[in-house]
mmCIF file of all heavy atoms, coordinates in Angstrom:
data_MODEL
# 
_entry.id   MODEL 
# 
loop_
_atom_site.group_PDB 
_atom_site.id 
_atom_site.type_symbol 
_atom_site.label_atom_id 
_atom_site.label_alt_id 
_atom_site.label_comp_id 
_atom_site.label_asym_id 
_atom_site.label_entity_id 
_atom_site.label_seq_id 
_atom_site.pdbx_PDB_ins_code 
_atom_site.Cartn_x 
_atom_site.Cartn_y 
_atom_site.Cartn_z 
_atom_site.occupancy 
_atom_site.B_iso_or_equiv 
_atom_site.pdbx_formal_charge 
_atom_site.auth_seq_id 
_atom_site.auth_comp_id 
_atom_site.auth_asym_id 
_atom_site.auth_atom_id 
_atom_site.pdbx_PDB_model_num 
ATOM 1   N N   . LEU A 1 1  ? 101.868 126.977 83.897  1.00 0.00 ? 1  LEU A N   1 
ATOM 2   C CA  . LEU A 1 1  ? 102.424 127.784 84.979  1.00 0.00 ? 1  LEU A CA  1 
ATOM 3   C C   . LEU A 1 1  ? 101.313 128.533 85.688  1.00 0.00 ? 1  LEU A C   1 
ATOM 4   O O   . LEU A 1 1  ? 100.363 129.000 85.053  1.00 0.00 ? 1  LEU A O   1 
ATOM 5   C CB  . LEU A 1 1  ? 103.440 128.788 84.425  1.00 0.00 ? 1  LEU A CB  1 
ATOM 6   C CG  . LEU A 1 1  ? 104.623 128.216 83.641  1.00 0.00 ? 1  LEU A CG  1 
ATOM 7   C CD1 . LEU A 1 1  ? 105.494 129.358 83.122  1.00 0.00 ? 1  LEU A CD1 1 
ATOM 8   C CD2 . LEU A 1 1  ? 105.444 127.264 84.486  1.00 0.00 ? 1  LEU A CD2 1 
ATOM 9   N N   . LYS A 1 2  ? 101.438 128.661 86.994  1.00 0.00 ? 2  LYS A N   1 
ATOM 10  C CA  . LYS A 1 2  ? 100.515 129.476 87.766  1.00 0.00 ? 2  LYS A CA  1 
ATOM 11  C C   . LYS A 1 2  ? 100.947 130.945 87.680  1.00 0.00 ? 2  LYS A C   1 
ATOM 12  O O   . LYS A 1 2  ? 101.994 131.258 87.130  1.00 0.00 ? 2  LYS A O   1 
ATOM 13  C CB  . LYS A 1 2  ? 100.480 128.991 89.218  1.00 0.00 ? 2  LYS A CB  1 
ATOM 14  C CG  . LYS A 1 2  ? 99.906  127.583 89.353  1.00 0.00 ? 2  LYS A CG  1 
ATOM 15  C CD  . LYS A 1 2  ? 99.758  127.149 90.790  1.00 0.00 ? 2  LYS A CD  1 
ATOM 16  C CE  . LYS A 1 2  ? 101.093 126.847 91.445  1.00 0.00 ? 2  LYS A CE  1 
ATOM 17  N NZ  . LYS A 1 2  ? 100.939 126.282 92.806  1.00 0.00 ? 2  LYS A NZ  1 
ATOM 18  N N   . ALA A 1 3  ? 100.144 131.830 88.228  1.00 0.00 ? 3  ALA A N   1 
ATOM 19  C CA  . ALA A 1 3  ? 100.401 133.262 88.092  1.00 0.00 ? 3  ALA A CA  1 
ATOM 20  C C   . ALA A 1 3  ? 101.681 133.713 88.772  1.00 0.00 ? 3  ALA A C   1 
ATOM 21  O O   . ALA A 1 3  ? 102.191 134.800 88.483  1.00 0.00 ? 3  ALA A O   1 
ATOM 22  C CB  . ALA A 1 3  ? 99.220  134.070 88.632  1.00 0.00 ? 3  ALA A CB  1 
ATOM 23  N N   . ASP A 1 4  ? 102.239 132.897 89.669  1.00 0.00 ? 4  ASP A N   1 
ATOM 24  C CA  . ASP A 1 4  ? 103.510 133.249 90.310  1.00 0.00 ? 4  ASP A CA  1 
ATOM 25  C C   . ASP A 1 4  ? 104.702 132.602 89.618  1.00 0.00 ? 4  ASP A C   1 
ATOM 26  O O   . ASP A 1 4  ? 105.836 132.708 90.098  1.00 0.00 ? 4  ASP A O   1 
ATOM 27  C CB  . ASP A 1 4  ? 103.484 132.875 91.792  1.00 0.00 ? 4  ASP A CB  1 
ATOM 28  C CG  . ASP A 1 4  ? 103.297 131.380 92.019  1.00 0.00 ? 4  ASP A CG  1 
ATOM 29  O OD1 . ASP A 1 4  ? 103.137 130.626 91.023  1.00 0.00 ? 4  ASP A OD1 1 
ATOM 30  O OD2 . ASP A 1 4  ? 103.295 130.953 93.192  1.00 0.00 ? 4  ASP A OD2 1 
ATOM 31  N N   . GLY A 1 5  ? 104.457 131.919 88.505  1.00 0.00 ? 5  GLY A N   1 
ATOM 32  C CA  . GLY A 1 5  ? 105.536 131.313 87.737  1.00 0.00 ? 5  GLY A CA  1 
ATOM 33  C C   . GLY A 1 5  ? 105.882 129.895 88.145  1.00 0.00 ? 5  GLY A C   1 
ATOM 34  O O   . GLY A 1 5  ? 106.733 129.270 87.508  1.00 0.00 ? 5  GLY A O   1 
ATOM 35  N N   . THR A 1 6  ? 105.244 129.362 89.174  1.00 0.00 ? 6  THR A N   1 
ATOM 36  C CA  . THR A 1 6  ? 105.512 127.989 89.599  1.00 0.00 ? 6  THR A CA  1 
ATOM 37  C C   . THR A 1 6  ? 104.686 127.027 88.755  1.00 0.00 ? 6  THR A C   1 
ATOM 38  O O   . THR A 1 6  ? 103.681 127.393 88.145  1.00 0.00 ? 6  THR A O   1 
ATOM 39  C CB  . THR A 1 6  ? 105.197 127.784 91.089  1.00 0.00 ? 6  THR A CB  1 
ATOM 40  O OG1 . THR A 1 6  ? 103.818 128.110 91.323  1.00 0.00 ? 6  THR A OG1 1 
ATOM 41  C CG2 . THR A 1 6  ? 106.083 128.664 91.951  1.00 0.00 ? 6  THR A CG2 1 
ATOM 42  N N   . ASP A 1 7  ? 105.114 125.773 88.737  1.00 0.00 ? 7  ASP A N   1 
ATOM 43  C CA  . ASP A 1 7  ? 104.452 124.758 87.925  1.00 0.00 ? 7  ASP A CA  1 
ATOM 44  C C   . ASP A 1 7  ? 103.124 124.340 88.542  1.00 0.00 ? 7  ASP A C   1 
ATOM 45  O O   . ASP A 1 7  ? 103.025 124.114 89.752  1.00 0.00 ? 7  ASP A O   1 
ATOM 46  C CB  . ASP A 1 7  ? 105.350 123.524 87.788  1.00 0.00 ? 7  ASP A CB  1 
ATOM 47  C CG  . ASP A 1 7  ? 106.603 123.808 86.989  1.00 0.00 ? 7  ASP A CG  1 
ATOM 48  O OD1 . ASP A 1 7  ? 106.480 124.319 85.863  1.00 0.00 ? 7  ASP A OD1 1 
ATOM 49  O OD2 . ASP A 1 7  ? 107.706 123.518 87.493  1.00 0.00 ? 7  ASP A OD2 1 
ATOM 50  N N   . ALA A 1 8  ? 102.111 124.198 87.695  1.00 0.00 ? 8  ALA A N   1 
ATOM 51  C CA  . ALA A 1 8  ? 100.807 123.699 88.139  1.00 0.00 ? 8  ALA A CA  1 
ATOM 52  C C   . ALA A 1 8  ? 100.840 122.177 88.131  1.00 0.00 ? 8  ALA A C   1 
ATOM 53  O O   . ALA A 1 8  ? 101.148 121.566 87.099  1.00 0.00 ? 8  ALA A O   1 
ATOM 54  C CB  . ALA A 1 8  ? 99.707  124.211 87.219  1.00 0.00 ? 8  ALA A CB  1 
ATOM 55  N N   . MET A 1 9  ? 100.534 121.569 89.262  1.00 0.00 ? 9  MET A N   1 
ATOM 56  C CA  . MET A 1 9  ? 100.600 120.116 89.381  1.00 0.00 ? 9  MET A CA  1 
ATOM 57  C C   . MET A 1 9  ? 99.661  119.423 88.393  1.00 0.00 ? 9  MET A C   1 
ATOM 58  O O   . MET A 1 9  ? 99.899  118.284 87.995  1.00 0.00 ? 9  MET A O   1 
ATOM 59  C CB  . MET A 1 9  ? 100.246 119.697 90.810  1.00 0.00 ? 9  MET A CB  1 
ATOM 60  C CG  . MET A 1 9  ? 101.187 120.242 91.868  1.00 0.00 ? 9  MET A CG  1 
ATOM 61  S SD  . MET A 1 9  ? 102.893 119.711 91.609  1.00 0.00 ? 9  MET A SD  1 
ATOM 62  C CE  . MET A 1 9  ? 102.757 117.969 92.014  1.00 0.00 ? 9  MET A CE  1 
ATOM 63  N N   . GLU A 1 10 ? 98.588  120.101 87.983  1.00 0.00 ? 10 GLU A N   1 
ATOM 64  C CA  . GLU A 1 10 ? 97.615  119.512 87.070  1.00 0.00 ? 10 GLU A CA  1 
ATOM 65  C C   . GLU A 1 10 ? 98.180  119.295 85.664  1.00 0.00 ? 10 GLU A C   1 
ATOM 66  O O   . GLU A 1 10 ? 97.497  118.726 84.809  1.00 0.00 ? 10 GLU A O   1 
ATOM 67  C CB  . GLU A 1 10 ? 96.376  120.397 86.980  1.00 0.00 ? 10 GLU A CB  1 
ATOM 68  C CG  . GLU A 1 10 ? 95.572  120.503 88.262  1.00 0.00 ? 10 GLU A CG  1 
ATOM 69  C CD  . GLU A 1 10 ? 96.161  121.487 89.259  1.00 0.00 ? 10 GLU A CD  1 
ATOM 70  O OE1 . GLU A 1 10 ? 97.114  122.213 88.889  1.00 0.00 ? 10 GLU A OE1 1 
ATOM 71  O OE2 . GLU A 1 10 ? 95.691  121.525 90.409  1.00 0.00 ? 10 GLU A OE2 1 
ATOM 72  N N   . SER A 1 11 ? 99.412  119.732 85.427  1.00 0.00 ? 11 SER A N   1 
ATOM 73  C CA  . SER A 1 11 ? 100.031 119.537 84.116  1.00 0.00 ? 11 SER A CA  1 
ATOM 74  C C   . SER A 1 11 ? 100.239 118.056 83.803  1.00 0.00 ? 11 SER A C   1 
ATOM 75  O O   . SER A 1 11 ? 100.235 117.661 82.632  1.00 0.00 ? 11 SER A O   1 
ATOM 76  C CB  . SER A 1 11 ? 101.391 120.257 84.059  1.00 0.00 ? 11 SER A CB  1 
ATOM 77  O OG  . SER A 1 11 ? 101.261 121.632 84.305  1.00 0.00 ? 11 SER A OG  1 
ATOM 78  N N   . ARG A 1 12 ? 100.467 117.245 84.834  1.00 0.00 ? 12 ARG A N   1 
ATOM 79  C CA  . ARG A 1 12 ? 100.642 115.799 84.647  1.00 0.00 ? 12 ARG A CA  1 
ATOM 80  C C   . ARG A 1 12 ? 99.795  115.097 85.707  1.00 0.00 ? 12 ARG A C   1 
ATOM 81  O O   . ARG A 1 12 ? 99.954  115.352 86.898  1.00 0.00 ? 12 ARG A O   1 
ATOM 82  C CB  . ARG A 1 12 ? 102.103 115.352 84.852  1.00 0.00 ? 12 ARG A CB  1 
ATOM 83  C CG  . ARG A 1 12 ? 103.112 116.021 83.922  1.00 0.00 ? 12 ARG A CG  1 
ATOM 84  C CD  . ARG A 1 12 ? 103.739 117.245 84.542  1.00 0.00 ? 12 ARG A CD  1 
ATOM 85  N NE  . ARG A 1 12 ? 104.257 117.016 85.876  1.00 0.00 ? 12 ARG A NE  1 
ATOM 86  C CZ  . ARG A 1 12 ? 105.495 116.557 86.148  1.00 0.00 ? 12 ARG A CZ  1 
ATOM 87  N NH1 . ARG A 1 12 ? 106.333 116.332 85.149  1.00 0.00 ? 12 ARG A NH1 1 
ATOM 88  N NH2 . ARG A 1 12 ? 105.896 116.375 87.391  1.00 0.00 ? 12 ARG A NH2 1 
ATOM 89  N N   . ARG A 1 13 ? 98.899  114.208 85.273  1.00 0.00 ? 13 ARG A N   1 
ATOM 90  C CA  . ARG A 1 13 ? 98.071  113.505 86.242  1.00 0.00 ? 13 ARG A CA  1 
ATOM 91  C C   . ARG A 1 13 ? 97.928  112.035 85.868  1.00 0.00 ? 13 ARG A C   1 
ATOM 92  O O   . ARG A 1 13 ? 98.006  111.667 84.685  1.00 0.00 ? 13 ARG A O   1 
ATOM 93  C CB  . ARG A 1 13 ? 96.673  114.129 86.329  1.00 0.00 ? 13 ARG A CB  1 
ATOM 94  C CG  . ARG A 1 13 ? 96.608  115.409 87.136  1.00 0.00 ? 13 ARG A CG  1 
ATOM 95  C CD  . ARG A 1 13 ? 95.191  115.909 87.248  1.00 0.00 ? 13 ARG A CD  1 
ATOM 96  N NE  . ARG A 1 13 ? 94.685  116.360 85.961  1.00 0.00 ? 13 ARG A NE  1 
ATOM 97  C CZ  . ARG A 1 13 ? 93.409  116.677 85.731  1.00 0.00 ? 13 ARG A CZ  1 
ATOM 98  N NH1 . ARG A 1 13 ? 92.522  116.563 86.697  1.00 0.00 ? 13 ARG A NH1 1 
ATOM 99  N NH2 . ARG A 1 13 ? 93.035  117.101 84.541  1.00 0.00 ? 13 ARG A NH2 1 
ATOM 100 N N   . GLY A 1 14 ? 97.723  111.227 86.892  1.00 0.00 ? 14 GLY A N   1 
ATOM 101 C CA  . GLY A 1 14 ? 97.423  109.824 86.689  1.00 0.00 ? 14 GLY A CA  1 
ATOM 102 C C   . GLY A 1 14 ? 95.928  109.602 86.808  1.00 0.00 ? 14 GLY A C   1 
ATOM 103 O O   . GLY A 1 14 ? 95.189  110.433 87.334  1.00 0.00 ? 14 GLY A O   1 
ATOM 104 N N   . LEU A 1 15 ? 95.467  108.476 86.316  1.00 0.00 ? 15 LEU A N   1 
ATOM 105 C CA  . LEU A 1 15 ? 94.051  108.164 86.420  1.00 0.00 ? 15 LEU A CA  1 
ATOM 106 C C   . LEU A 1 15 ? 93.646  108.016 87.882  1.00 0.00 ? 15 LEU A C   1 
ATOM 107 O O   . LEU A 1 15 ? 94.367  107.389 88.664  1.00 0.00 ? 15 LEU A O   1 
ATOM 108 C CB  . LEU A 1 15 ? 93.749  106.866 85.674  1.00 0.00 ? 15 LEU A CB  1 
ATOM 109 C CG  . LEU A 1 15 ? 93.799  106.938 84.145  1.00 0.00 ? 15 LEU A CG  1 
ATOM 110 C CD1 . LEU A 1 15 ? 93.750  105.543 83.551  1.00 0.00 ? 15 LEU A CD1 1 
ATOM 111 C CD2 . LEU A 1 15 ? 92.643  107.788 83.627  1.00 0.00 ? 15 LEU A CD2 1 
ATOM 112 N N   . PRO A 1 16 ? 92.504  108.557 88.274  1.00 0.00 ? 16 PRO A N   1 
ATOM 113 C CA  . PRO A 1 16 ? 92.060  108.428 89.662  1.00 0.00 ? 16 PRO A CA  1 
ATOM 114 C C   . PRO A 1 16 ? 91.413  107.077 89.928  1.00 0.00 ? 16 PRO A C   1 
ATOM 115 O O   . PRO A 1 16 ? 90.205  106.976 90.175  1.00 0.00 ? 16 PRO A O   1 
ATOM 116 C CB  . PRO A 1 16 ? 91.055  109.584 89.786  1.00 0.00 ? 16 PRO A CB  1 
ATOM 117 C CG  . PRO A 1 16 ? 90.485  109.729 88.421  1.00 0.00 ? 16 PRO A CG  1 
ATOM 118 C CD  . PRO A 1 16 ? 91.623  109.423 87.469  1.00 0.00 ? 16 PRO A CD  1 
ATOM 119 N N   . THR A 1 17 ? 92.224  106.024 89.849  1.00 0.00 ? 17 THR A N   1 
ATOM 120 C CA  . THR A 1 17 ? 91.738  104.704 90.230  1.00 0.00 ? 17 THR A CA  1 
ATOM 121 C C   . THR A 1 17 ? 91.305  104.764 91.694  1.00 0.00 ? 17 THR A C   1 
ATOM 122 O O   . THR A 1 17 ? 91.665  105.705 92.417  1.00 0.00 ? 17 THR A O   1 
ATOM 123 C CB  . THR A 1 17 ? 92.833  103.655 90.053  1.00 0.00 ? 17 THR A CB  1 
ATOM 124 O OG1 . THR A 1 17 ? 93.919  103.981 90.946  1.00 0.00 ? 17 THR A OG1 1 
ATOM 125 C CG2 . THR A 1 17 ? 93.364  103.631 88.619  1.00 0.00 ? 17 THR A CG2 1 
ATOM 126 N N   . PRO A 1 18 ? 90.541  103.780 92.163  1.00 0.00 ? 18 PRO A N   1 
ATOM 127 C CA  . PRO A 1 18 ? 90.118  103.829 93.569  1.00 0.00 ? 18 PRO A CA  1 
ATOM 128 C C   . PRO A 1 18 ? 91.269  104.026 94.546  1.00 0.00 ? 18 PRO A C   1 
ATOM 129 O O   . PRO A 1 18 ? 91.158  104.840 95.475  1.00 0.00 ? 18 PRO A O   1 
ATOM 130 C CB  . PRO A 1 18 ? 89.435  102.468 93.758  1.00 0.00 ? 18 PRO A CB  1 
ATOM 131 C CG  . PRO A 1 18 ? 88.848  102.174 92.417  1.00 0.00 ? 18 PRO A CG  1 
ATOM 132 C CD  . PRO A 1 18 ? 89.863  102.690 91.434  1.00 0.00 ? 18 PRO A CD  1 
ATOM 133 N N   . MET A 1 19 ? 92.392  103.339 94.346  1.00 0.00 ? 19 MET A N   1 
ATOM 134 C CA  . MET A 1 19 ? 93.508  103.484 95.284  1.00 0.00 ? 19 MET A CA  1 
ATOM 135 C C   . MET A 1 19 ? 94.216  104.823 95.111  1.00 0.00 ? 19 MET A C   1 
ATOM 136 O O   . MET A 1 19 ? 94.588  105.474 96.094  1.00 0.00 ? 19 MET A O   1 
ATOM 137 C CB  . MET A 1 19 ? 94.503  102.337 95.112  1.00 0.00 ? 19 MET A CB  1 
ATOM 138 C CG  . MET A 1 19 ? 93.983  100.989 95.610  1.00 0.00 ? 19 MET A CG  1 
ATOM 139 S SD  . MET A 1 19 ? 93.284  101.048 97.290  1.00 0.00 ? 19 MET A SD  1 
ATOM 140 C CE  . MET A 1 19 ? 94.686  101.594 98.255  1.00 0.00 ? 19 MET A CE  1 
ATOM 141 N N   . THR A 1 20 ? 94.389  105.255 93.857  1.00 0.00 ? 20 THR A N   1 
ATOM 142 C CA  . THR A 1 20 ? 95.025  106.553 93.613  1.00 0.00 ? 20 THR A CA  1 
ATOM 143 C C   . THR A 1 20 ? 94.190  107.675 94.215  1.00 0.00 ? 20 THR A C   1 
ATOM 144 O O   . THR A 1 20 ? 94.728  108.609 94.835  1.00 0.00 ? 20 THR A O   1 
ATOM 145 C CB  . THR A 1 20 ? 95.210  106.787 92.100  1.00 0.00 ? 20 THR A CB  1 
ATOM 146 O OG1 . THR A 1 20 ? 96.083  105.779 91.567  1.00 0.00 ? 20 THR A OG1 1 
ATOM 147 C CG2 . THR A 1 20 ? 95.814  108.157 91.826  1.00 0.00 ? 20 THR A CG2 1 
ATOM 148 N N   . ALA A 1 21 ? 92.869  107.590 94.050  1.00 0.00 ? 21 ALA A N   1 
ATOM 149 C CA  . ALA A 1 21 ? 91.983  108.592 94.634  1.00 0.00 ? 21 ALA A CA  1 
ATOM 150 C C   . ALA A 1 21 ? 92.045  108.560 96.159  1.00 0.00 ? 21 ALA A C   1 
ATOM 151 O O   . ALA A 1 21 ? 92.023  109.599 96.823  1.00 0.00 ? 21 ALA A O   1 
ATOM 152 C CB  . ALA A 1 21 ? 90.548  108.361 94.158  1.00 0.00 ? 21 ALA A CB  1 
ATOM 153 N N   . PHE A 1 22 ? 92.155  107.347 96.713  1.00 0.00 ? 22 PHE A N   1 
ATOM 154 C CA  . PHE A 1 22 ? 92.244  107.208 98.171  1.00 0.00 ? 22 PHE A CA  1 
ATOM 155 C C   . PHE A 1 22 ? 93.516  107.876 98.690  1.00 0.00 ? 22 PHE A C   1 
ATOM 156 O O   . PHE A 1 22 ? 93.473  108.616 99.677  1.00 0.00 ? 22 PHE A O   1 
ATOM 157 C CB  . PHE A 1 22 ? 92.221  105.735 98.559  1.00 0.00 ? 22 PHE A CB  1 
ATOM 158 C CG  . PHE A 1 22 ? 92.514  105.493 100.016 1.00 0.00 ? 22 PHE A CG  1 
ATOM 159 C CD1 . PHE A 1 22 ? 91.558  105.747 100.994 1.00 0.00 ? 22 PHE A CD1 1 
ATOM 160 C CD2 . PHE A 1 22 ? 93.762  105.025 100.417 1.00 0.00 ? 22 PHE A CD2 1 
ATOM 161 C CE1 . PHE A 1 22 ? 91.835  105.538 102.335 1.00 0.00 ? 22 PHE A CE1 1 
ATOM 162 C CE2 . PHE A 1 22 ? 94.044  104.809 101.758 1.00 0.00 ? 22 PHE A CE2 1 
ATOM 163 C CZ  . PHE A 1 22 ? 93.080  105.058 102.716 1.00 0.00 ? 22 PHE A CZ  1 
ATOM 164 N N   . TYR A 1 23 ? 94.653  107.629 98.029  1.00 0.00 ? 23 TYR A N   1 
ATOM 165 C CA  . TYR A 1 23 ? 95.916  108.240 98.462  1.00 0.00 ? 23 TYR A CA  1 
ATOM 166 C C   . TYR A 1 23 ? 95.838  109.763 98.378  1.00 0.00 ? 23 TYR A C   1 
ATOM 167 O O   . TYR A 1 23 ? 96.404  110.463 99.221  1.00 0.00 ? 23 TYR A O   1 
ATOM 168 C CB  . TYR A 1 23 ? 97.072  107.732 97.600  1.00 0.00 ? 23 TYR A CB  1 
ATOM 169 C CG  . TYR A 1 23 ? 97.343  106.255 97.732  1.00 0.00 ? 23 TYR A CG  1 
ATOM 170 C CD1 . TYR A 1 23 ? 97.741  105.507 96.622  1.00 0.00 ? 23 TYR A CD1 1 
ATOM 171 C CD2 . TYR A 1 23 ? 97.201  105.601 98.952  1.00 0.00 ? 23 TYR A CD2 1 
ATOM 172 C CE1 . TYR A 1 23 ? 97.993  104.148 96.734  1.00 0.00 ? 23 TYR A CE1 1 
ATOM 173 C CE2 . TYR A 1 23 ? 97.456  104.243 99.073  1.00 0.00 ? 23 TYR A CE2 1 
ATOM 174 C CZ  . TYR A 1 23 ? 97.843  103.521 97.953  1.00 0.00 ? 23 TYR A CZ  1 
ATOM 175 O OH  . TYR A 1 23 ? 98.081  102.177 98.072  1.00 0.00 ? 23 TYR A OH  1 
ATOM 176 N N   . LYS A 1 24 ? 95.126  110.287 97.349  1.00 0.00 ? 24 LYS A N   1 
ATOM 177 C CA  . LYS A 1 24 ? 94.972  111.738 97.210  1.00 0.00 ? 24 LYS A CA  1 
ATOM 178 C C   . LYS A 1 24 ? 94.117  112.298 98.341  1.00 0.00 ? 24 LYS A C   1 
ATOM 179 O O   . LYS A 1 24 ? 94.476  113.295 98.985  1.00 0.00 ? 24 LYS A O   1 
ATOM 180 C CB  . LYS A 1 24 ? 94.339  112.050 95.851  1.00 0.00 ? 24 LYS A CB  1 
ATOM 181 C CG  . LYS A 1 24 ? 93.948  113.523 95.646  1.00 0.00 ? 24 LYS A CG  1 
ATOM 182 C CD  . LYS A 1 24 ? 95.172  114.407 95.555  1.00 0.00 ? 24 LYS A CD  1 
ATOM 183 C CE  . LYS A 1 24 ? 94.826  115.783 95.026  1.00 0.00 ? 24 LYS A CE  1 
ATOM 184 N NZ  . LYS A 1 24 ? 93.888  116.532 95.877  1.00 0.00 ? 24 LYS A NZ  1 
# 
């Protein structure tokens, strides 16, 4: 959780394959 109580997106991540990194 972040300091405001919302969920931190970094809690679940996929591997930064070339295409996944490109989409990000």
